[in-house]
N, C-alpha and C. Protein backbone atom coordinates (compact mmCIF):
# COMPACT_ATOMS: atom_id res chain seq x y z
N MET A 1 -5.97 -0.93 -4.77
CA MET A 1 -5.57 -0.63 -3.51
C MET A 1 -7.03 0.11 -2.67
N SER A 2 -7.06 -0.07 -1.70
CA SER A 2 -8.40 0.49 -0.75
C SER A 2 -8.00 1.79 -0.45
N THR A 3 -9.04 2.33 0.06
CA THR A 3 -9.25 3.66 0.31
C THR A 3 -9.90 3.60 1.92
N GLU A 4 -9.08 4.12 2.66
CA GLU A 4 -9.22 4.11 4.36
C GLU A 4 -9.78 5.72 4.83
N LEU A 5 -11.15 5.95 5.15
CA LEU A 5 -11.92 6.95 5.79
C LEU A 5 -12.07 6.89 7.13
N THR A 6 -11.49 7.90 8.05
CA THR A 6 -11.97 8.39 9.37
C THR A 6 -12.67 9.74 9.56
N PHE A 7 -13.58 9.64 10.10
CA PHE A 7 -14.43 10.51 10.08
C PHE A 7 -14.27 11.51 11.57
N ASN A 8 -14.51 12.38 11.41
CA ASN A 8 -14.41 13.39 12.75
C ASN A 8 -15.23 14.39 12.55
N GLU A 9 -15.38 15.33 13.78
CA GLU A 9 -16.52 16.56 13.92
C GLU A 9 -16.21 17.70 12.66
N ASP A 10 -14.44 17.53 12.34
CA ASP A 10 -14.20 18.55 11.51
C ASP A 10 -13.71 18.51 9.91
N GLY A 11 -14.05 16.95 9.69
CA GLY A 11 -13.58 16.46 8.40
C GLY A 11 -13.86 15.02 8.20
N VAL A 12 -12.85 14.64 7.02
CA VAL A 12 -12.55 13.44 6.82
C VAL A 12 -11.09 13.23 6.45
N ASP A 13 -10.50 12.31 7.47
CA ASP A 13 -8.88 11.77 7.20
C ASP A 13 -8.75 10.81 6.29
N VAL A 14 -8.20 10.62 5.17
CA VAL A 14 -8.35 9.83 3.87
C VAL A 14 -6.92 9.49 3.69
N VAL A 15 -6.75 8.01 3.52
CA VAL A 15 -5.57 7.46 3.00
C VAL A 15 -6.20 7.13 1.72
N TYR A 16 -5.39 7.47 0.42
CA TYR A 16 -5.86 6.85 -0.77
C TYR A 16 -4.83 6.75 -1.59
N GLU A 17 -4.35 5.42 -2.20
CA GLU A 17 -3.13 5.14 -2.58
C GLU A 17 -2.03 5.25 -2.27
N GLY A 18 -1.97 5.35 -0.58
CA GLY A 18 -0.68 5.54 0.13
C GLY A 18 -0.34 6.95 0.35
N THR A 19 -1.32 8.01 0.28
CA THR A 19 -1.31 9.47 0.42
C THR A 19 -2.51 9.50 1.29
N GLU A 20 -1.84 10.25 2.61
CA GLU A 20 -2.70 10.83 3.71
C GLU A 20 -2.88 12.30 3.47
N PHE A 21 -4.45 12.63 3.49
CA PHE A 21 -4.96 14.03 3.40
C PHE A 21 -6.17 14.25 4.44
N GLU A 22 -6.40 15.45 4.60
CA GLU A 22 -7.64 15.75 5.30
C GLU A 22 -8.63 16.23 4.34
N LEU A 23 -9.88 16.21 4.24
CA LEU A 23 -10.90 16.56 3.58
C LEU A 23 -11.67 17.45 4.75
N GLU A 24 -11.81 18.73 4.26
CA GLU A 24 -12.34 19.79 5.24
C GLU A 24 -13.93 19.45 5.26
N LYS A 25 -14.40 19.72 6.31
CA LYS A 25 -16.14 19.73 6.75
C LYS A 25 -16.52 20.55 5.08
N THR A 26 -16.20 22.11 5.27
CA THR A 26 -17.07 22.49 4.15
C THR A 26 -16.58 22.49 2.57
N LEU A 27 -15.48 21.55 2.61
CA LEU A 27 -15.37 21.08 1.44
C LEU A 27 -16.12 20.27 0.77
N ILE A 28 -16.46 18.89 2.01
CA ILE A 28 -17.53 18.35 1.88
C ILE A 28 -18.84 18.59 1.38
N GLU A 29 -19.18 19.59 2.31
CA GLU A 29 -20.52 20.29 1.92
C GLU A 29 -20.74 20.87 0.83
N GLU A 30 -19.67 21.59 0.33
CA GLU A 30 -19.83 22.17 -1.04
C GLU A 30 -19.70 21.44 -2.22
N ALA A 31 -18.95 20.16 -2.09
CA ALA A 31 -19.05 19.29 -3.16
C ALA A 31 -20.16 18.49 -3.37
N THR A 32 -21.02 18.27 -2.13
CA THR A 32 -22.39 17.50 -2.26
C THR A 32 -23.23 18.38 -2.15
N GLY A 33 -23.48 19.59 -1.89
CA GLY A 33 -24.91 20.43 -1.54
C GLY A 33 -25.43 19.69 -0.45
N LYS A 34 -25.03 19.08 0.56
CA LYS A 34 -25.52 18.63 1.75
C LYS A 34 -24.83 19.13 2.76
N GLY A 35 -25.52 19.22 4.09
CA GLY A 35 -24.85 19.11 5.37
C GLY A 35 -24.03 18.12 5.68
N TYR A 36 -22.87 18.22 6.39
CA TYR A 36 -21.65 16.97 6.68
C TYR A 36 -22.65 15.97 7.07
N ARG A 37 -23.62 15.97 7.94
CA ARG A 37 -24.03 14.79 8.64
C ARG A 37 -24.77 13.78 7.96
N ASP A 38 -25.40 14.64 6.97
CA ASP A 38 -25.99 13.94 5.68
C ASP A 38 -25.33 13.25 4.80
N VAL A 39 -23.97 13.57 4.55
CA VAL A 39 -23.31 12.96 3.57
C VAL A 39 -23.13 11.48 4.08
N THR A 40 -22.89 10.50 3.02
CA THR A 40 -22.67 9.21 3.29
C THR A 40 -21.27 8.92 2.83
N ASP A 41 -20.59 7.98 3.50
CA ASP A 41 -19.41 7.28 3.05
C ASP A 41 -19.01 7.08 1.43
N HIS A 42 -20.03 6.49 1.05
CA HIS A 42 -20.25 6.44 -0.38
C HIS A 42 -19.85 7.77 -1.03
N GLU A 43 -20.53 9.22 -0.94
CA GLU A 43 -20.26 10.27 -1.78
C GLU A 43 -18.93 10.72 -1.28
N VAL A 44 -18.56 10.46 0.06
CA VAL A 44 -17.03 10.82 0.32
C VAL A 44 -15.86 10.07 -0.80
N LEU A 45 -16.39 8.93 -0.74
CA LEU A 45 -15.27 8.00 -1.82
C LEU A 45 -15.38 8.36 -3.11
N GLN A 46 -16.66 9.05 -3.29
CA GLN A 46 -16.80 9.48 -4.85
C GLN A 46 -15.99 10.94 -4.99
N ILE A 47 -15.82 11.83 -4.18
CA ILE A 47 -14.93 12.96 -4.09
C ILE A 47 -13.63 12.17 -4.33
N VAL A 48 -13.23 11.37 -3.62
CA VAL A 48 -11.45 10.79 -3.44
C VAL A 48 -11.38 10.41 -4.76
N ALA A 49 -11.93 9.30 -5.33
CA ALA A 49 -11.60 8.82 -6.38
C ALA A 49 -12.48 8.57 -7.42
N GLU A 50 -11.92 8.50 -8.72
CA GLU A 50 -12.61 8.62 -9.91
C GLU A 50 -13.58 7.74 -10.13
N GLU A 51 -13.10 6.41 -9.73
CA GLU A 51 -13.93 5.07 -10.25
C GLU A 51 -13.51 4.35 -8.77
N PRO A 52 -14.33 4.90 -7.54
CA PRO A 52 -14.11 4.28 -6.17
C PRO A 52 -14.79 2.54 -6.24
N ASP A 53 -14.12 1.99 -5.51
CA ASP A 53 -14.76 0.55 -5.22
C ASP A 53 -15.59 0.73 -3.97
N ILE A 54 -17.24 0.70 -4.53
CA ILE A 54 -18.04 0.85 -3.44
C ILE A 54 -18.94 -0.59 -3.34
N ASP A 55 -18.96 -0.76 -1.72
CA ASP A 55 -19.78 -1.87 -1.71
C ASP A 55 -20.58 -1.77 -0.25
N GLY A 56 -21.63 -2.40 -0.35
CA GLY A 56 -22.47 -2.36 1.06
C GLY A 56 -23.55 -1.13 1.08
N GLU A 57 -23.87 -0.90 2.08
CA GLU A 57 -24.97 0.02 2.16
C GLU A 57 -24.20 1.30 2.36
N PRO A 58 -24.78 2.48 1.87
CA PRO A 58 -24.13 3.84 2.42
C PRO A 58 -24.43 4.04 3.75
N VAL A 59 -23.17 4.66 4.34
CA VAL A 59 -23.70 5.23 5.66
C VAL A 59 -23.55 6.51 6.02
N ARG A 60 -24.38 7.51 6.49
CA ARG A 60 -24.64 8.75 6.85
C ARG A 60 -23.14 9.19 7.89
N ILE A 61 -22.44 10.08 7.76
CA ILE A 61 -21.49 10.44 8.49
C ILE A 61 -22.29 10.96 10.04
N GLY A 62 -23.41 11.57 10.02
CA GLY A 62 -24.05 11.62 11.10
C GLY A 62 -24.24 10.30 12.21
N ASP A 63 -24.36 9.14 11.46
CA ASP A 63 -24.39 8.06 12.28
C ASP A 63 -23.53 7.29 12.65
N VAL A 64 -21.90 7.62 12.08
CA VAL A 64 -20.91 7.22 12.66
C VAL A 64 -20.39 8.12 13.68
N LEU A 65 -20.77 9.34 13.50
CA LEU A 65 -19.93 10.15 14.72
C LEU A 65 -21.05 9.94 15.81
């Protein structure tokens, strides 16, 4: 099952295994030790899933916004 991430200025809207929730910006910063805009989509996936299906190059949230 795939994981869907939607990035915005306040955090990330996540759909993981059919469950929808939001990861707040501050939680992501605390979990990664980085500023929100410097975190990559791959790092967010690692927060969400124990063994995420990661492919392609990582993309910074700042580049998405």
